[in-house]
Each structure stands twice: as C-alpha cells, then as structure tokens.
Amino acid sequence: MSLDKSLKRRDMLQRRRNVLTRAERIKRLQEDERFDAAADSVFGLPKVKPAMAIVAPSKGPKEEKAEGEEEAAEDAGQ
C-alpha cells in the first residue's frame, strides 16, 4: 500500500539527523585529528555529536517598526 502524497513530508531530507553514518564519523574524527586510517580500526569509533544548526536571529515586528520610525524622523528633520 502506498502513502498518499499529501501525507508525505517534504522536508524529510533537509532536517538534522541525530545519528551520523560511519563515513561521516570518520571524516569528522579525521578533521579533529582523532582518527588515523593506518593505525585505528573503523569498528568501535568514539561517539561524535552532529553539528548544531546556527539560526540567524530574525527581526521582530517591533524592531522593524522602530527602524522605520527612525528613518521617518531623519527625513522630517532634513
């Protein structure tokens, strides 16, 4: 039985995953110089936390209004 397209998630591949694949963990460990391909085994890797997404703060309606009032006051003063 197939899933109706209205029930499918559109952002399925865009969300942050909780678990990294083995290749992603090895890459991250190599960047941190904690993994040596010649000496270390790919089994029993240490845990690696996924990168945190950085969200830029958005301007609220009050801040936008305050900026607009400042510009209007500057225009009136000229």
PDB file of N, CA and C in Angstrom:
ATOM      1  N   MET A   1       0.852  -1.175   0.000  1.00  0.00           N
ATOM      2  CA  MET A   1       0.000   0.000   0.000  1.00  0.00           C
ATOM      3  C   MET A   1       0.892   1.230   0.000  1.00  0.00           C
ATOM      4  N   SER A   2       0.576   2.186  -0.843  1.00  0.00           N
ATOM      5  CA  SER A   2       1.409   3.379  -0.951  1.00  0.00           C
ATOM      6  C   SER A   2       0.890   4.482  -0.036  1.00  0.00           C
ATOM      7  N   LEU A   3       1.752   5.423   0.232  1.00  0.00           N
ATOM      8  CA  LEU A   3       1.424   6.544   1.096  1.00  0.00           C
ATOM      9  C   LEU A   3       0.927   7.704   0.242  1.00  0.00           C
ATOM     10  N   ASP A   4      -0.199   8.282   0.617  1.00  0.00           N
ATOM     11  CA  ASP A   4      -0.747   9.399  -0.133  1.00  0.00           C
ATOM     12  C   ASP A   4       0.231  10.563  -0.140  1.00  0.00           C
ATOM     13  N   LYS A   5       0.337  11.278  -1.277  1.00  0.00           N
ATOM     14  CA  LYS A   5       1.343  12.330  -1.385  1.00  0.00           C
ATOM     15  C   LYS A   5       1.082  13.500  -0.435  1.00  0.00           C
ATOM     16  N   SER A   6      -0.165  13.696  -0.002  1.00  0.00           N
ATOM     17  CA  SER A   6      -0.452  14.770   0.944  1.00  0.00           C
ATOM     18  C   SER A   6       0.097  14.459   2.336  1.00  0.00           C
ATOM     19  N   LEU A   7       0.370  13.173   2.609  1.00  0.00           N
ATOM     20  CA  LEU A   7       0.874  12.776   3.918  1.00  0.00           C
ATOM     21  C   LEU A   7       2.399  12.689   3.955  1.00  0.00           C
ATOM     22  N   LYS A   8       3.039  12.783   2.802  1.00  0.00           N
ATOM     23  CA  LYS A   8       4.497  12.699   2.759  1.00  0.00           C
ATOM     24  C   LYS A   8       5.100  13.997   3.270  1.00  0.00           C
ATOM     25  N   ARG A   9       6.216  13.852   3.931  1.00  0.00           N
ATOM     26  CA  ARG A   9       6.917  15.036   4.436  1.00  0.00           C
ATOM     27  C   ARG A   9       7.803  15.585   3.341  1.00  0.00           C
ATOM     28  N   ARG A  10       7.726  16.867   3.096  1.00  0.00           N
ATOM     29  CA  ARG A  10       8.514  17.487   2.047  1.00  0.00           C
ATOM     30  C   ARG A  10       9.945  17.767   2.494  1.00  0.00           C
ATOM     31  N   ASP A  11      10.143  17.995   3.760  1.00  0.00           N
ATOM     32  CA  ASP A  11      11.467  18.348   4.264  1.00  0.00           C
ATOM     33  C   ASP A  11      12.179  17.152   4.883  1.00  0.00           C
ATOM     34  N   MET A  12      11.870  15.963   4.429  1.00  0.00           N
ATOM     35  CA  MET A  12      12.417  14.749   5.030  1.00  0.00           C
ATOM     36  C   MET A  12      13.942  14.736   4.985  1.00  0.00           C
ATOM     37  N   LEU A  13      14.542  15.126   3.891  1.00  0.00           N
ATOM     38  CA  LEU A  13      15.989  15.065   3.766  1.00  0.00           C
ATOM     39  C   LEU A  13      16.670  16.343   4.245  1.00  0.00           C
ATOM     40  N   GLN A  14      15.932  17.367   4.568  1.00  0.00           N
ATOM     41  CA  GLN A  14      16.512  18.639   4.937  1.00  0.00           C
ATOM     42  C   GLN A  14      16.656  18.823   6.447  1.00  0.00           C
ATOM     43  N   ARG A  15      16.057  17.983   7.221  1.00  0.00           N
ATOM     44  CA  ARG A  15      16.140  18.144   8.668  1.00  0.00           C
ATOM     45  C   ARG A  15      17.446  17.574   9.200  1.00  0.00           C
ATOM     46  N   ARG A  16      17.810  17.955  10.409  1.00  0.00           N
ATOM     47  CA  ARG A  16      19.044  17.481  11.030  1.00  0.00           C
ATOM     48  C   ARG A  16      18.865  16.056  11.525  1.00  0.00           C
ATOM     49  N   ARG A  17      19.812  15.217  11.223  1.00  0.00           N
ATOM     50  CA  ARG A  17      19.750  13.832  11.662  1.00  0.00           C
ATOM     51  C   ARG A  17      20.443  13.702  13.017  1.00  0.00           C
ATOM     52  N   ASN A  18      19.970  12.739  13.818  1.00  0.00           N
ATOM     53  CA  ASN A  18      20.544  12.523  15.139  1.00  0.00           C
ATOM     54  C   ASN A  18      21.782  11.640  15.103  1.00  0.00           C
ATOM     55  N   VAL A  19      21.920  10.824  14.071  1.00  0.00           N
ATOM     56  CA  VAL A  19      23.000   9.852  14.008  1.00  0.00           C
ATOM     57  C   VAL A  19      23.791  10.066  12.729  1.00  0.00           C
ATOM     58  N   LEU A  20      25.120  10.051  12.839  1.00  0.00           N
ATOM     59  CA  LEU A  20      25.974  10.172  11.668  1.00  0.00           C
ATOM     60  C   LEU A  20      26.313   8.780  11.134  1.00  0.00           C
ATOM     61  N   THR A  21      26.548   8.687   9.844  1.00  0.00           N
ATOM     62  CA  THR A  21      26.977   7.418   9.279  1.00  0.00           C
ATOM     63  C   THR A  21      28.435   7.187   9.659  1.00  0.00           C
ATOM     64  N   ARG A  22      28.919   5.973   9.452  1.00  0.00           N
ATOM     65  CA  ARG A  22      30.302   5.653   9.804  1.00  0.00           C
ATOM     66  C   ARG A  22      31.271   6.542   9.019  1.00  0.00           C
ATOM     67  N   ALA A  23      31.006   6.753   7.728  1.00  0.00           N
ATOM     68  CA  ALA A  23      31.872   7.591   6.899  1.00  0.00           C
ATOM     69  C   ALA A  23      31.894   9.032   7.406  1.00  0.00           C
ATOM     70  N   GLU A  24      30.735   9.555   7.814  1.00  0.00           N
ATOM     71  CA  GLU A  24      30.667  10.916   8.344  1.00  0.00           C
ATOM     72  C   GLU A  24      31.422  11.017   9.670  1.00  0.00           C
ATOM     73  N   ARG A  25      31.317   9.983  10.511  1.00  0.00           N
ATOM     74  CA  ARG A  25      32.035   9.989  11.790  1.00  0.00           C
ATOM     75  C   ARG A  25      33.541   9.965  11.561  1.00  0.00           C
ATOM     76  N   ILE A  26      33.999   9.118  10.620  1.00  0.00           N
ATOM     77  CA  ILE A  26      35.435   9.043  10.334  1.00  0.00           C
ATOM     78  C   ILE A  26      35.937  10.375   9.794  1.00  0.00           C
ATOM     79  N   LYS A  27      35.166  10.984   8.904  1.00  0.00           N
ATOM     80  CA  LYS A  27      35.561  12.290   8.344  1.00  0.00           C
ATOM     81  C   LYS A  27      35.689  13.338   9.452  1.00  0.00           C
ATOM     82  N   ARG A  28      34.711  13.368  10.357  1.00  0.00           N
ATOM     83  CA  ARG A  28      34.728  14.342  11.455  1.00  0.00           C
ATOM     84  C   ARG A  28      35.914  14.087  12.386  1.00  0.00           C
ATOM     85  N   LEU A  29      36.197  12.808  12.673  1.00  0.00           N
ATOM     86  CA  LEU A  29      37.325  12.468  13.538  1.00  0.00           C
ATOM     87  C   LEU A  29      38.661  12.813  12.879  1.00  0.00           C
ATOM     88  N   GLN A  30      38.763  12.627  11.564  1.00  0.00           N
ATOM     89  CA  GLN A  30      39.990  12.992  10.868  1.00  0.00           C
ATOM     90  C   GLN A  30      40.207  14.498  10.888  1.00  0.00           C
ATOM     91  N   GLU A  31      39.138  15.270  10.768  1.00  0.00           N
ATOM     92  CA  GLU A  31      39.246  16.725  10.842  1.00  0.00           C
ATOM     93  C   GLU A  31      39.753  17.159  12.212  1.00  0.00           C
ATOM     94  N   ASP A  32      39.330  16.446  13.250  1.00  0.00           N
ATOM     95  CA  ASP A  32      39.765  16.754  14.618  1.00  0.00           C
ATOM     96  C   ASP A  32      41.076  16.061  14.974  1.00  0.00           C
ATOM     97  N   GLU A  33      41.652  15.327  14.012  1.00  0.00           N
ATOM     98  CA  GLU A  33      42.899  14.583  14.201  1.00  0.00           C
ATOM     99  C   GLU A  33      42.784  13.561  15.339  1.00  0.00           C
ATOM    100  N   ARG A  34      41.618  12.888  15.416  1.00  0.00           N
ATOM    101  CA  ARG A  34      41.392  11.851  16.414  1.00  0.00           C
ATOM    102  C   ARG A  34      41.326  10.464  15.791  1.00  0.00           C
ATOM    103  N   PHE A  35      41.509  10.384  14.456  1.00  0.00           N
ATOM    104  CA  PHE A  35      41.443   9.101  13.767  1.00  0.00           C
ATOM    105  C   PHE A  35      42.580   9.013  12.758  1.00  0.00           C
ATOM    106  N   ASP A  36      43.317   7.917  12.800  1.00  0.00           N
ATOM    107  CA  ASP A  36      44.392   7.654  11.846  1.00  0.00           C
ATOM    108  C   ASP A  36      44.014   6.383  11.090  1.00  0.00           C
ATOM    109  N   ALA A  37      43.835   6.496   9.781  1.00  0.00           N
ATOM    110  CA  ALA A  37      43.375   5.364   8.978  1.00  0.00           C
ATOM    111  C   ALA A  37      44.349   4.193   9.034  1.00  0.00           C
ATOM    112  N   ALA A  38      45.629   4.456   9.184  1.00  0.00           N
ATOM    113  CA  ALA A  38      46.622   3.383   9.204  1.00  0.00           C
ATOM    114  C   ALA A  38      46.632   2.640  10.536  1.00  0.00           C
ATOM    115  N   ALA A  39      46.374   3.323  11.630  1.00  0.00           N
ATOM    116  CA  ALA A  39      46.521   2.722  12.949  1.00  0.00           C
ATOM    117  C   ALA A  39      45.189   2.340  13.604  1.00  0.00           C
ATOM    118  N   ASP A  40      44.119   3.079  13.330  1.00  0.00           N
ATOM    119  CA  ASP A  40      42.848   2.871  14.023  1.00  0.00           C
ATOM    120  C   ASP A  40      41.903   1.991  13.208  1.00  0.00           C
ATOM    121  N   SER A  41      41.021   1.308  13.900  1.00  0.00           N
ATOM    122  CA  SER A  41      40.021   0.457  13.262  1.00  0.00           C
ATOM    123  C   SER A  41      38.752   1.264  13.014  1.00  0.00           C
ATOM    124  N   VAL A  42      37.999   0.874  11.986  1.00  0.00           N
ATOM    125  CA  VAL A  42      36.737   1.549  11.697  1.00  0.00           C
ATOM    126  C   VAL A  42      35.619   1.055  12.615  1.00  0.00           C
ATOM    127  N   PHE A  43      35.892   0.008  13.378  1.00  0.00           N
ATOM    128  CA  PHE A  43      34.920  -0.509  14.330  1.00  0.00           C
ATOM    129  C   PHE A  43      35.217   0.057  15.709  1.00  0.00           C
ATOM    130  N   GLY A  44      34.182   0.324  16.473  1.00  0.00           N
ATOM    131  CA  GLY A  44      34.365   0.850  17.824  1.00  0.00           C
ATOM    132  C   GLY A  44      34.800   2.297  17.831  1.00  0.00           C
ATOM    133  N   LEU A  45      34.288   3.088  16.899  1.00  0.00           N
ATOM    134  CA  LEU A  45      34.647   4.509  16.832  1.00  0.00           C
ATOM    135  C   LEU A  45      34.057   5.255  18.028  1.00  0.00           C
ATOM    136  N   PRO A  46      34.723   6.310  18.480  1.00  0.00           N
ATOM    137  CA  PRO A  46      34.141   7.111  19.561  1.00  0.00           C
ATOM    138  C   PRO A  46      32.916   7.868  19.068  1.00  0.00           C
ATOM    139  N   LYS A  47      32.072   8.245  19.994  1.00  0.00           N
ATOM    140  CA  LYS A  47      30.867   8.981  19.646  1.00  0.00           C
ATOM    141  C   LYS A  47      31.228  10.379  19.153  1.00  0.00           C
ATOM    142  N   VAL A  48      30.467  10.832  18.163  1.00  0.00           N
ATOM    143  CA  VAL A  48      30.673  12.160  17.585  1.00  0.00           C
ATOM    144  C   VAL A  48      29.320  12.844  17.535  1.00  0.00           C
ATOM    145  N   LYS A  49      29.230  14.031  18.098  1.00  0.00           N
ATOM    146  CA  LYS A  49      27.973  14.760  18.093  1.00  0.00           C
ATOM    147  C   LYS A  49      27.756  15.422  16.730  1.00  0.00           C
ATOM    148  N   PRO A  50      26.519  15.426  16.244  1.00  0.00           N
ATOM    149  CA  PRO A  50      26.243  16.108  14.985  1.00  0.00           C
ATOM    150  C   PRO A  50      26.388  17.617  15.158  1.00  0.00           C
ATOM    151  N   ALA A  51      26.674  18.298  14.076  1.00  0.00           N
ATOM    152  CA  ALA A  51      26.855  19.751  14.121  1.00  0.00           C
ATOM    153  C   ALA A  51      25.535  20.425  14.452  1.00  0.00           C
ATOM    154  N   MET A  52      25.608  21.457  15.248  1.00  0.00           N
ATOM    155  CA  MET A  52      24.422  22.215  15.602  1.00  0.00           C
ATOM    156  C   MET A  52      24.112  23.209  14.491  1.00  0.00           C
ATOM    157  N   ALA A  53      22.851  23.354  14.158  1.00  0.00           N
ATOM    158  CA  ALA A  53      22.437  24.319  13.151  1.00  0.00           C
ATOM    159  C   ALA A  53      22.431  25.708  13.780  1.00  0.00           C
ATOM    160  N   ILE A  54      23.022  26.657  13.082  1.00  0.00           N
ATOM    161  CA  ILE A  54      23.067  28.033  13.565  1.00  0.00           C
ATOM    162  C   ILE A  54      21.947  28.803  12.883  1.00  0.00           C
ATOM    163  N   VAL A  55      21.076  29.378  13.694  1.00  0.00           N
ATOM    164  CA  VAL A  55      19.932  30.117  13.169  1.00  0.00           C
ATOM    165  C   VAL A  55      20.167  31.594  13.420  1.00  0.00           C
ATOM    166  N   ALA A  56      20.083  32.384  12.357  1.00  0.00           N
ATOM    167  CA  ALA A  56      20.257  33.829  12.490  1.00  0.00           C
ATOM    168  C   ALA A  56      19.016  34.420  13.158  1.00  0.00           C
ATOM    169  N   PRO A  57      19.222  35.339  14.094  1.00  0.00           N
ATOM    170  CA  PRO A  57      18.063  35.951  14.749  1.00  0.00           C
ATOM    171  C   PRO A  57      17.271  36.786  13.752  1.00  0.00           C
ATOM    172  N   SER A  58      15.968  36.632  13.774  1.00  0.00           N
ATOM    173  CA  SER A  58      15.122  37.396  12.861  1.00  0.00           C
ATOM    174  C   SER A  58      14.632  38.659  13.562  1.00  0.00           C
ATOM    175  N   LYS A  59      14.380  39.673  12.769  1.00  0.00           N
ATOM    176  CA  LYS A  59      13.870  40.924  13.321  1.00  0.00           C
ATOM    177  C   LYS A  59      12.387  40.779  13.584  1.00  0.00           C
ATOM    178  N   GLY A  60      11.991  41.156  14.753  1.00  0.00           N
ATOM    179  CA  GLY A  60      10.585  41.106  15.103  1.00  0.00           C
ATOM    180  C   GLY A  60       9.860  42.314  14.547  1.00  0.00           C
ATOM    181  N   PRO A  61       8.543  42.343  14.614  1.00  0.00           N
ATOM    182  CA  PRO A  61       7.784  43.479  14.079  1.00  0.00           C
ATOM    183  C   PRO A  61       8.081  44.777  14.821  1.00  0.00           C
ATOM    184  N   LYS A  62       8.418  44.700  16.102  1.00  0.00           N
ATOM    185  CA  LYS A  62       8.714  45.911  16.859  1.00  0.00           C
ATOM    186  C   LYS A  62      10.016  46.545  16.400  1.00  0.00           C
ATOM    187  N   GLU A  63      11.031  45.711  16.138  1.00  0.00           N
ATOM    188  CA  GLU A  63      12.321  46.234  15.697  1.00  0.00           C
ATOM    189  C   GLU A  63      12.202  46.869  14.317  1.00  0.00           C
ATOM    190  N   GLU A  64      11.443  46.250  13.409  1.00  0.00           N
ATOM    191  CA  GLU A  64      11.272  46.806  12.074  1.00  0.00           C
ATOM    192  C   GLU A  64      10.536  48.133  12.150  1.00  0.00           C
ATOM    193  N   LYS A  65       9.549  48.226  13.023  1.00  0.00           N
ATOM    194  CA  LYS A  65       8.790  49.450  13.166  1.00  0.00           C
ATOM    195  C   LYS A  65       9.667  50.556  13.737  1.00  0.00           C
ATOM    196  N   ALA A  66      10.528  50.217  14.698  1.00  0.00           N
ATOM    197  CA  ALA A  66      11.413  51.206  15.298  1.00  0.00           C
ATOM    198  C   ALA A  66      12.382  51.750  14.258  1.00  0.00           C
ATOM    199  N   GLU A  67      12.888  50.903  13.391  1.00  0.00           N
ATOM    200  CA  GLU A  67      13.794  51.369  12.349  1.00  0.00           C
ATOM    201  C   GLU A  67      13.070  52.293  11.386  1.00  0.00           C
ATOM    202  N   GLY A  68      11.850  51.961  11.044  1.00  0.00           N
ATOM    203  CA  GLY A  68      11.059  52.792  10.139  1.00  0.00           C
ATOM    204  C   GLY A  68      10.770  54.154  10.750  1.00  0.00           C
ATOM    205  N   GLU A  69      10.510  54.199  12.058  1.00  0.00           N
ATOM    206  CA  GLU A  69      10.254  55.461  12.737  1.00  0.00           C
ATOM    207  C   GLU A  69      11.509  56.329  12.764  1.00  0.00           C
ATOM    208  N   GLU A  70      12.674  55.716  12.942  1.00  0.00           N
ATOM    209  CA  GLU A  70      13.924  56.465  12.954  1.00  0.00           C
ATOM    210  C   GLU A  70      14.193  57.092  11.593  1.00  0.00           C
ATOM    211  N   GLU A  71      13.946  56.350  10.523  1.00  0.00           N
ATOM    212  CA  GLU A  71      14.141  56.876   9.180  1.00  0.00           C
ATOM    213  C   GLU A  71      13.163  58.010   8.901  1.00  0.00           C
ATOM    214  N   ALA A  72      11.923  57.866   9.360  1.00  0.00           N
ATOM    215  CA  ALA A  72      10.920  58.906   9.144  1.00  0.00           C
ATOM    216  C   ALA A  72      11.318  60.168   9.915  1.00  0.00           C
ATOM    217  N   ALA A  73      11.861  60.009  11.117  1.00  0.00           N
ATOM    218  CA  ALA A  73      12.279  61.167  11.902  1.00  0.00           C
ATOM    219  C   ALA A  73      13.453  61.868  11.230  1.00  0.00           C
ATOM    220  N   GLU A  74      14.367  61.121  10.641  1.00  0.00           N
ATOM    221  CA  GLU A  74      15.518  61.705   9.935  1.00  0.00           C
ATOM    222  C   GLU A  74      15.037  62.468   8.701  1.00  0.00           C
ATOM    223  N   ASP A  75      14.082  61.918   7.987  1.00  0.00           N
ATOM    224  CA  ASP A  75      13.552  62.581   6.782  1.00  0.00           C
ATOM    225  C   ASP A  75      12.832  63.860   7.155  1.00  0.00           C
ATOM    226  N   ALA A  76      12.100  63.870   8.243  1.00  0.00           N
ATOM    227  CA  ALA A  76      11.358  65.035   8.677  1.00  0.00           C
ATOM    228  C   ALA A  76      12.307  66.138   9.157  1.00  0.00           C
ATOM    229  N   GLY A  77      13.443  65.753   9.729  1.00  0.00           N
ATOM    230  CA  GLY A  77      14.386  66.714  10.253  1.00  0.00           C
ATOM    231  C   GLY A  77      15.229  67.385   9.181  1.00  0.00           C
ATOM    232  N   GLN A  78      15.242  66.843   7.982  1.00  0.00           N
ATOM    233  CA  GLN A  78      16.068  67.419   6.907  1.00  0.00           C
ATOM    234  C   GLN A  78      15.430  68.552   6.267  1.00  0.00           C
TER     235      GLN A  78
END
